[in-house]
Every structure is written in C-alpha cells, then in structure tokens.
Amino acid sequence: MDLISSIQGRRKTRIDREGSPYFDLYPASIAAGIAVNYDIDQHSELTEARKYAPLDYIQVINTDSVALELRVKQQRHYIPAGAIISLTDEAIWSFQLKNMDSSTSTTVGKIHIVLQRQPLSEDKAIRRKV
C-alpha cells in the first residue's frame, strides 16, 4: 500500500469514527417565490465541508415569518414559519431552499442551516461490513 492510500484510509476511518464539525450557513435574503441551490462542492461558505462530503445531516431553523421548502434528493420538506426540521441518513451533496411566500422576502439572519457528517453508529458500521 502506498503512502497516499494509507493516509486516505486513516482519514476515512477517523471521519467515520468522529464525524465532522458542524457547518453553519446563514443564507442571504431569498426573494418571494425564489429557490436557491447550495452545492457543497461549489458553495463558497462550505469550503471546509467539502472534505467530509457527502454530509448526512441537515437542520434548518426557520425563525422568519415566511414558510420555506427544503429539497434534498428531489424530496420536498415543508418548513413553516418559526419551525425547525432535521434530516439524517441522507447523502447530501446539494440541497435547495425555496421561499414559499408569494410577496415577502426572507430576512437575513432569520434562517440558520446546520450541516454535518455524523459519526458512524455501531449499527451502521456493522451494516457497512456485511
């Protein structure tokens, strides 16, 4: 085994065991009815998350007065105003956030997105080996 393969193997084992840090994202204002795409490999605020991709945890905290729609892998999740939604166990390479209001833009700082690659649980580790 060469040095690069050895380092990559150790890094993967560490990520599986420890997971990643949390990555926080505070979207800019989203105009009424508009959807914004976030690609982990290309978004400037997620450069540190790239080495952990795909991420498998996303939480959207919506403290704004407008409803949102989160789309991950073509699955849509409605997020009412003042609500929190969390998704786990999905390989997240990209996602979309849409302002569902027809007349009001979102307010900067009122939407908080948290992303992470979670540590591998014992059950998941065993399933991976089988």
N, C-alpha and C. Protein backbone atom coordinates (compact mmCIF):
# COMPACT_ATOMS: atom_id res chain seq x y z
N MET A 1 0.86 -1.18 0.00
CA MET A 1 0.00 0.00 0.00
C MET A 1 0.90 1.24 0.00
N ASP A 2 0.62 2.15 -0.86
CA ASP A 2 1.45 3.35 -0.92
C ASP A 2 1.03 4.35 0.17
N LEU A 3 1.82 5.35 0.34
CA LEU A 3 1.62 6.33 1.40
C LEU A 3 0.29 7.07 1.28
N ILE A 4 -0.07 7.48 0.07
CA ILE A 4 -1.32 8.23 -0.13
C ILE A 4 -2.53 7.38 0.23
N SER A 5 -2.54 6.13 -0.21
CA SER A 5 -3.66 5.23 0.13
C SER A 5 -3.76 5.01 1.63
N SER A 6 -2.62 4.90 2.28
CA SER A 6 -2.59 4.71 3.73
C SER A 6 -3.18 5.92 4.45
N ILE A 7 -2.78 7.12 4.03
CA ILE A 7 -3.29 8.34 4.64
C ILE A 7 -4.79 8.48 4.40
N GLN A 8 -5.24 8.20 3.18
CA GLN A 8 -6.67 8.28 2.86
C GLN A 8 -7.47 7.29 3.70
N GLY A 9 -6.94 6.09 3.88
CA GLY A 9 -7.63 5.08 4.70
C GLY A 9 -7.75 5.51 6.15
N ARG A 10 -6.67 6.05 6.71
CA ARG A 10 -6.72 6.52 8.10
C ARG A 10 -7.68 7.69 8.25
N ARG A 11 -7.69 8.60 7.26
CA ARG A 11 -8.58 9.76 7.31
C ARG A 11 -10.04 9.31 7.26
N LYS A 12 -10.37 8.36 6.39
CA LYS A 12 -11.73 7.85 6.29
C LYS A 12 -12.16 7.19 7.59
N THR A 13 -11.28 6.41 8.19
CA THR A 13 -11.58 5.76 9.47
C THR A 13 -11.85 6.80 10.55
N ARG A 14 -11.04 7.86 10.58
CA ARG A 14 -11.23 8.92 11.58
C ARG A 14 -12.55 9.65 11.37
N ILE A 15 -12.89 9.95 10.12
CA ILE A 15 -14.16 10.63 9.82
C ILE A 15 -15.33 9.74 10.20
N ASP A 16 -15.24 8.45 9.90
CA ASP A 16 -16.31 7.51 10.27
C ASP A 16 -16.48 7.47 11.79
N ARG A 17 -15.39 7.49 12.51
CA ARG A 17 -15.44 7.38 13.97
C ARG A 17 -15.87 8.70 14.64
N GLU A 18 -15.36 9.82 14.15
CA GLU A 18 -15.57 11.11 14.81
C GLU A 18 -16.60 12.00 14.13
N GLY A 19 -16.89 11.76 12.87
CA GLY A 19 -17.78 12.66 12.13
C GLY A 19 -17.05 13.95 11.77
N SER A 20 -17.82 14.94 11.43
CA SER A 20 -17.25 16.24 11.06
C SER A 20 -17.70 17.28 12.07
N PRO A 21 -17.08 18.45 12.04
CA PRO A 21 -17.63 19.55 12.84
C PRO A 21 -18.96 20.00 12.21
N TYR A 22 -19.70 20.79 12.94
CA TYR A 22 -20.92 21.38 12.39
C TYR A 22 -20.54 22.53 11.47
N PHE A 23 -21.24 22.63 10.35
CA PHE A 23 -21.03 23.72 9.41
C PHE A 23 -22.29 24.58 9.41
N ASP A 24 -22.13 25.84 9.78
CA ASP A 24 -23.27 26.77 9.87
C ASP A 24 -23.35 27.62 8.62
N LEU A 25 -24.58 27.82 8.18
CA LEU A 25 -24.83 28.62 6.99
C LEU A 25 -26.02 29.53 7.28
N TYR A 26 -25.84 30.82 7.05
CA TYR A 26 -26.91 31.81 7.23
C TYR A 26 -27.19 32.42 5.85
N PRO A 27 -28.22 31.92 5.16
CA PRO A 27 -28.46 32.40 3.80
C PRO A 27 -28.77 33.89 3.74
N ALA A 28 -28.41 34.49 2.62
CA ALA A 28 -28.80 35.88 2.34
C ALA A 28 -30.31 35.91 2.14
N SER A 29 -30.86 37.08 2.01
CA SER A 29 -32.30 37.22 1.79
C SER A 29 -32.71 36.47 0.51
N ILE A 30 -33.80 35.72 0.60
CA ILE A 30 -34.33 34.99 -0.55
C ILE A 30 -35.63 35.68 -0.95
N ALA A 31 -35.71 36.13 -2.19
CA ALA A 31 -36.90 36.84 -2.68
C ALA A 31 -38.11 35.90 -2.69
N ALA A 32 -39.28 36.48 -2.65
CA ALA A 32 -40.53 35.72 -2.63
C ALA A 32 -40.61 34.77 -3.83
N GLY A 33 -40.91 33.50 -3.55
CA GLY A 33 -41.09 32.51 -4.60
C GLY A 33 -39.82 31.99 -5.24
N ILE A 34 -38.67 32.42 -4.77
CA ILE A 34 -37.40 32.04 -5.39
C ILE A 34 -36.76 30.88 -4.63
N ALA A 35 -36.11 30.00 -5.38
CA ALA A 35 -35.36 28.87 -4.81
C ALA A 35 -33.87 29.12 -5.00
N VAL A 36 -33.09 28.80 -3.99
CA VAL A 36 -31.64 28.96 -4.04
C VAL A 36 -31.01 27.58 -3.88
N ASN A 37 -30.08 27.26 -4.79
CA ASN A 37 -29.39 25.98 -4.74
C ASN A 37 -28.07 26.11 -4.00
N TYR A 38 -27.75 25.11 -3.20
CA TYR A 38 -26.50 25.06 -2.46
C TYR A 38 -25.81 23.74 -2.82
N ASP A 39 -24.64 23.84 -3.42
CA ASP A 39 -23.85 22.67 -3.78
C ASP A 39 -22.63 22.66 -2.87
N ILE A 40 -22.45 21.60 -2.12
CA ILE A 40 -21.37 21.55 -1.14
C ILE A 40 -20.01 21.69 -1.81
N ASP A 41 -19.85 21.16 -3.01
CA ASP A 41 -18.57 21.23 -3.70
C ASP A 41 -18.28 22.61 -4.29
N GLN A 42 -19.30 23.47 -4.39
CA GLN A 42 -19.08 24.75 -5.06
C GLN A 42 -19.40 25.97 -4.21
N HIS A 43 -20.14 25.82 -3.13
CA HIS A 43 -20.56 26.98 -2.34
C HIS A 43 -19.38 27.54 -1.55
N SER A 44 -19.18 28.85 -1.64
CA SER A 44 -18.01 29.49 -1.03
C SER A 44 -18.01 29.41 0.49
N GLU A 45 -19.18 29.32 1.13
CA GLU A 45 -19.23 29.25 2.59
C GLU A 45 -19.08 27.82 3.11
N LEU A 46 -18.99 26.85 2.22
CA LEU A 46 -18.89 25.45 2.64
C LEU A 46 -17.58 24.80 2.20
N THR A 47 -16.54 25.60 2.06
CA THR A 47 -15.26 25.05 1.59
C THR A 47 -14.70 24.00 2.55
N GLU A 48 -14.84 24.20 3.85
CA GLU A 48 -14.34 23.23 4.83
C GLU A 48 -15.16 21.93 4.83
N ALA A 49 -16.42 22.02 4.42
CA ALA A 49 -17.30 20.84 4.40
C ALA A 49 -16.97 19.89 3.26
N ARG A 50 -16.28 20.37 2.25
CA ARG A 50 -16.01 19.56 1.06
C ARG A 50 -15.27 18.27 1.39
N LYS A 51 -14.32 18.33 2.30
CA LYS A 51 -13.53 17.13 2.59
C LYS A 51 -14.31 16.07 3.35
N TYR A 52 -15.51 16.42 3.83
CA TYR A 52 -16.36 15.46 4.55
C TYR A 52 -17.53 14.99 3.69
N ALA A 53 -17.67 15.52 2.49
CA ALA A 53 -18.83 15.18 1.64
C ALA A 53 -18.82 13.70 1.26
N PRO A 54 -19.98 13.10 1.15
CA PRO A 54 -21.28 13.72 1.33
C PRO A 54 -21.61 13.86 2.82
N LEU A 55 -22.28 14.94 3.16
CA LEU A 55 -22.74 15.14 4.52
C LEU A 55 -24.02 14.32 4.69
N ASP A 56 -24.40 14.03 5.93
CA ASP A 56 -25.59 13.20 6.12
C ASP A 56 -26.56 13.75 7.17
N TYR A 57 -26.39 15.00 7.52
CA TYR A 57 -27.28 15.64 8.49
C TYR A 57 -27.49 17.08 8.07
N ILE A 58 -28.74 17.50 8.05
CA ILE A 58 -29.07 18.89 7.79
C ILE A 58 -30.20 19.30 8.71
N GLN A 59 -30.06 20.48 9.29
CA GLN A 59 -31.10 21.05 10.14
C GLN A 59 -31.34 22.48 9.65
N VAL A 60 -32.60 22.81 9.45
CA VAL A 60 -32.97 24.17 9.05
C VAL A 60 -33.80 24.77 10.16
N ILE A 61 -33.33 25.88 10.71
CA ILE A 61 -34.04 26.60 11.77
C ILE A 61 -34.61 27.85 11.13
N ASN A 62 -35.92 27.89 11.02
CA ASN A 62 -36.62 28.99 10.36
C ASN A 62 -37.30 29.87 11.40
N THR A 63 -36.66 30.96 11.79
CA THR A 63 -37.26 31.89 12.75
C THR A 63 -37.89 33.08 12.04
N ASP A 64 -38.00 32.98 10.74
CA ASP A 64 -38.59 34.05 9.93
C ASP A 64 -40.11 33.92 9.92
N SER A 65 -40.77 34.89 9.31
CA SER A 65 -42.24 34.89 9.25
C SER A 65 -42.77 34.26 7.96
N VAL A 66 -41.88 33.69 7.15
CA VAL A 66 -42.31 33.05 5.90
C VAL A 66 -42.01 31.56 5.94
N ALA A 67 -42.79 30.79 5.21
CA ALA A 67 -42.57 29.35 5.11
C ALA A 67 -41.50 29.07 4.06
N LEU A 68 -40.80 27.96 4.25
CA LEU A 68 -39.74 27.55 3.34
C LEU A 68 -39.98 26.13 2.85
N GLU A 69 -39.31 25.78 1.79
CA GLU A 69 -39.31 24.41 1.31
C GLU A 69 -37.86 23.99 1.15
N LEU A 70 -37.51 22.86 1.77
CA LEU A 70 -36.18 22.29 1.64
C LEU A 70 -36.29 21.09 0.71
N ARG A 71 -35.42 21.07 -0.31
CA ARG A 71 -35.42 19.95 -1.22
C ARG A 71 -34.05 19.28 -1.16
N VAL A 72 -34.08 18.00 -0.79
CA VAL A 72 -32.88 17.18 -0.76
C VAL A 72 -33.19 15.92 -1.56
N LYS A 73 -32.39 15.67 -2.57
CA LYS A 73 -32.59 14.49 -3.43
C LYS A 73 -34.02 14.40 -3.98
N GLN A 74 -34.53 15.47 -4.46
CA GLN A 74 -35.87 15.56 -5.05
C GLN A 74 -37.00 15.33 -4.05
N GLN A 75 -36.69 15.19 -2.78
CA GLN A 75 -37.73 15.10 -1.76
C GLN A 75 -37.93 16.48 -1.18
N ARG A 76 -39.20 16.88 -1.11
CA ARG A 76 -39.53 18.22 -0.61
C ARG A 76 -40.00 18.14 0.83
N HIS A 77 -39.52 19.08 1.63
CA HIS A 77 -39.88 19.14 3.05
C HIS A 77 -40.34 20.57 3.35
N TYR A 78 -41.57 20.68 3.78
CA TYR A 78 -42.17 21.98 4.09
C TYR A 78 -41.73 22.42 5.48
N ILE A 79 -41.29 23.67 5.60
CA ILE A 79 -40.84 24.22 6.88
C ILE A 79 -41.68 25.45 7.17
N PRO A 80 -42.67 25.35 8.05
CA PRO A 80 -43.50 26.52 8.37
C PRO A 80 -42.67 27.61 9.07
N ALA A 81 -43.19 28.81 9.10
CA ALA A 81 -42.54 29.90 9.81
C ALA A 81 -42.38 29.52 11.28
N GLY A 82 -41.22 29.79 11.84
CA GLY A 82 -40.96 29.51 13.24
C GLY A 82 -40.72 28.04 13.55
N ALA A 83 -40.37 27.23 12.57
CA ALA A 83 -40.21 25.79 12.79
C ALA A 83 -38.77 25.35 12.54
N ILE A 84 -38.48 24.14 12.99
CA ILE A 84 -37.16 23.52 12.80
C ILE A 84 -37.39 22.16 12.16
N ILE A 85 -36.58 21.82 11.18
CA ILE A 85 -36.64 20.49 10.57
C ILE A 85 -35.23 19.92 10.51
N SER A 86 -35.12 18.63 10.80
CA SER A 86 -33.83 17.94 10.73
C SER A 86 -33.98 16.70 9.88
N LEU A 87 -33.00 16.44 9.03
CA LEU A 87 -32.96 15.24 8.22
C LEU A 87 -31.64 14.53 8.46
N THR A 88 -31.70 13.22 8.61
CA THR A 88 -30.49 12.44 8.82
C THR A 88 -30.47 11.27 7.86
N ASP A 89 -29.34 10.63 7.78
CA ASP A 89 -29.16 9.40 7.00
C ASP A 89 -29.42 9.59 5.51
N GLU A 90 -29.17 10.77 4.99
CA GLU A 90 -29.26 11.05 3.56
C GLU A 90 -27.88 11.53 3.10
N ALA A 91 -27.41 11.02 2.00
CA ALA A 91 -26.15 11.52 1.44
C ALA A 91 -26.43 12.87 0.79
N ILE A 92 -25.96 13.92 1.42
CA ILE A 92 -26.28 15.28 0.96
C ILE A 92 -25.07 15.86 0.23
N TRP A 93 -25.21 16.00 -1.07
CA TRP A 93 -24.20 16.66 -1.90
C TRP A 93 -24.64 18.08 -2.23
N SER A 94 -25.96 18.25 -2.30
CA SER A 94 -26.53 19.56 -2.59
C SER A 94 -27.95 19.60 -2.04
N PHE A 95 -28.48 20.81 -1.91
CA PHE A 95 -29.85 20.98 -1.47
C PHE A 95 -30.37 22.31 -2.00
N GLN A 96 -31.67 22.47 -1.91
CA GLN A 96 -32.31 23.69 -2.40
C GLN A 96 -33.22 24.22 -1.30
N LEU A 97 -33.22 25.52 -1.13
CA LEU A 97 -34.10 26.18 -0.16
C LEU A 97 -34.96 27.19 -0.92
N LYS A 98 -36.27 27.06 -0.77
CA LYS A 98 -37.19 27.93 -1.50
C LYS A 98 -38.06 28.72 -0.54
N ASN A 99 -38.23 30.00 -0.83
CA ASN A 99 -39.14 30.86 -0.09
C ASN A 99 -40.54 30.60 -0.65
N MET A 100 -41.44 30.10 0.18
CA MET A 100 -42.78 29.73 -0.28
C MET A 100 -43.76 30.89 -0.27
N ASP A 101 -43.36 32.04 0.26
CA ASP A 101 -44.26 33.19 0.32
C ASP A 101 -44.35 33.85 -1.05
N SER A 102 -45.51 34.39 -1.36
CA SER A 102 -45.69 35.00 -2.68
C SER A 102 -45.37 36.49 -2.70
N SER A 103 -45.14 37.10 -1.53
CA SER A 103 -44.90 38.54 -1.54
C SER A 103 -43.79 39.02 -0.60
N THR A 104 -43.33 38.19 0.32
CA THR A 104 -42.36 38.63 1.32
C THR A 104 -41.03 37.90 1.17
N SER A 105 -39.95 38.65 1.16
CA SER A 105 -38.61 38.06 1.13
C SER A 105 -38.22 37.57 2.52
N THR A 106 -37.26 36.67 2.57
CA THR A 106 -36.77 36.24 3.88
C THR A 106 -35.88 37.32 4.46
N THR A 107 -35.72 37.30 5.77
CA THR A 107 -34.90 38.28 6.46
C THR A 107 -33.53 37.67 6.74
N VAL A 108 -32.48 38.42 6.44
CA VAL A 108 -31.12 37.95 6.68
C VAL A 108 -30.95 37.65 8.17
N GLY A 109 -30.38 36.48 8.48
CA GLY A 109 -30.12 36.10 9.86
C GLY A 109 -31.26 35.35 10.53
N LYS A 110 -32.39 35.23 9.86
CA LYS A 110 -33.54 34.54 10.45
C LYS A 110 -33.61 33.06 10.05
N ILE A 111 -32.75 32.65 9.14
CA ILE A 111 -32.68 31.25 8.72
C ILE A 111 -31.28 30.74 9.02
N HIS A 112 -31.19 29.63 9.72
CA HIS A 112 -29.91 29.05 10.10
C HIS A 112 -29.90 27.61 9.61
N ILE A 113 -28.91 27.26 8.83
CA ILE A 113 -28.77 25.89 8.33
C ILE A 113 -27.53 25.28 8.96
N VAL A 114 -27.69 24.08 9.49
CA VAL A 114 -26.59 23.35 10.12
C VAL A 114 -26.38 22.06 9.33
N LEU A 115 -25.15 21.81 8.93
CA LEU A 115 -24.80 20.59 8.18
C LEU A 115 -23.71 19.84 8.92
N GLN A 116 -23.69 18.52 8.76
CA GLN A 116 -22.66 17.71 9.40
C GLN A 116 -22.57 16.34 8.74
N ARG A 117 -21.42 15.74 8.84
CA ARG A 117 -21.24 14.31 8.56
C ARG A 117 -21.20 13.67 9.93
N GLN A 118 -22.23 12.91 10.27
CA GLN A 118 -22.33 12.35 11.61
C GLN A 118 -21.40 11.15 11.78
N PRO A 119 -20.96 10.90 13.02
CA PRO A 119 -20.14 9.71 13.27
C PRO A 119 -20.94 8.45 12.93
N LEU A 120 -20.24 7.43 12.51
CA LEU A 120 -20.87 6.17 12.18
C LEU A 120 -21.28 5.46 13.46
N SER A 121 -22.57 5.13 13.57
CA SER A 121 -23.03 4.38 14.74
C SER A 121 -22.57 2.93 14.63
N GLU A 122 -22.66 2.19 15.72
CA GLU A 122 -22.24 0.78 15.67
C GLU A 122 -23.10 0.00 14.68
N ASP A 123 -24.39 0.27 14.66
CA ASP A 123 -25.28 -0.42 13.72
C ASP A 123 -24.87 -0.16 12.27
N LYS A 124 -24.60 1.10 11.95
CA LYS A 124 -24.22 1.44 10.59
C LYS A 124 -22.87 0.82 10.23
N ALA A 125 -21.95 0.80 11.18
CA ALA A 125 -20.64 0.20 10.93
C ALA A 125 -20.76 -1.28 10.63
N ILE A 126 -21.60 -1.96 11.37
CA ILE A 126 -21.80 -3.40 11.14
C ILE A 126 -22.47 -3.63 9.79
N ARG A 127 -23.48 -2.81 9.47
CA ARG A 127 -24.14 -2.96 8.16
C ARG A 127 -23.17 -2.72 7.01
N ARG A 128 -22.26 -1.79 7.18
CA ARG A 128 -21.29 -1.48 6.13
C ARG A 128 -20.36 -2.65 5.89
N LYS A 129 -20.02 -3.40 6.96
CA LYS A 129 -19.11 -4.54 6.83
C LYS A 129 -19.79 -5.76 6.23
N VAL A 130 -21.11 -5.86 6.37
CA VAL A 130 -21.82 -7.05 5.88
C VAL A 130 -22.00 -7.00 4.39
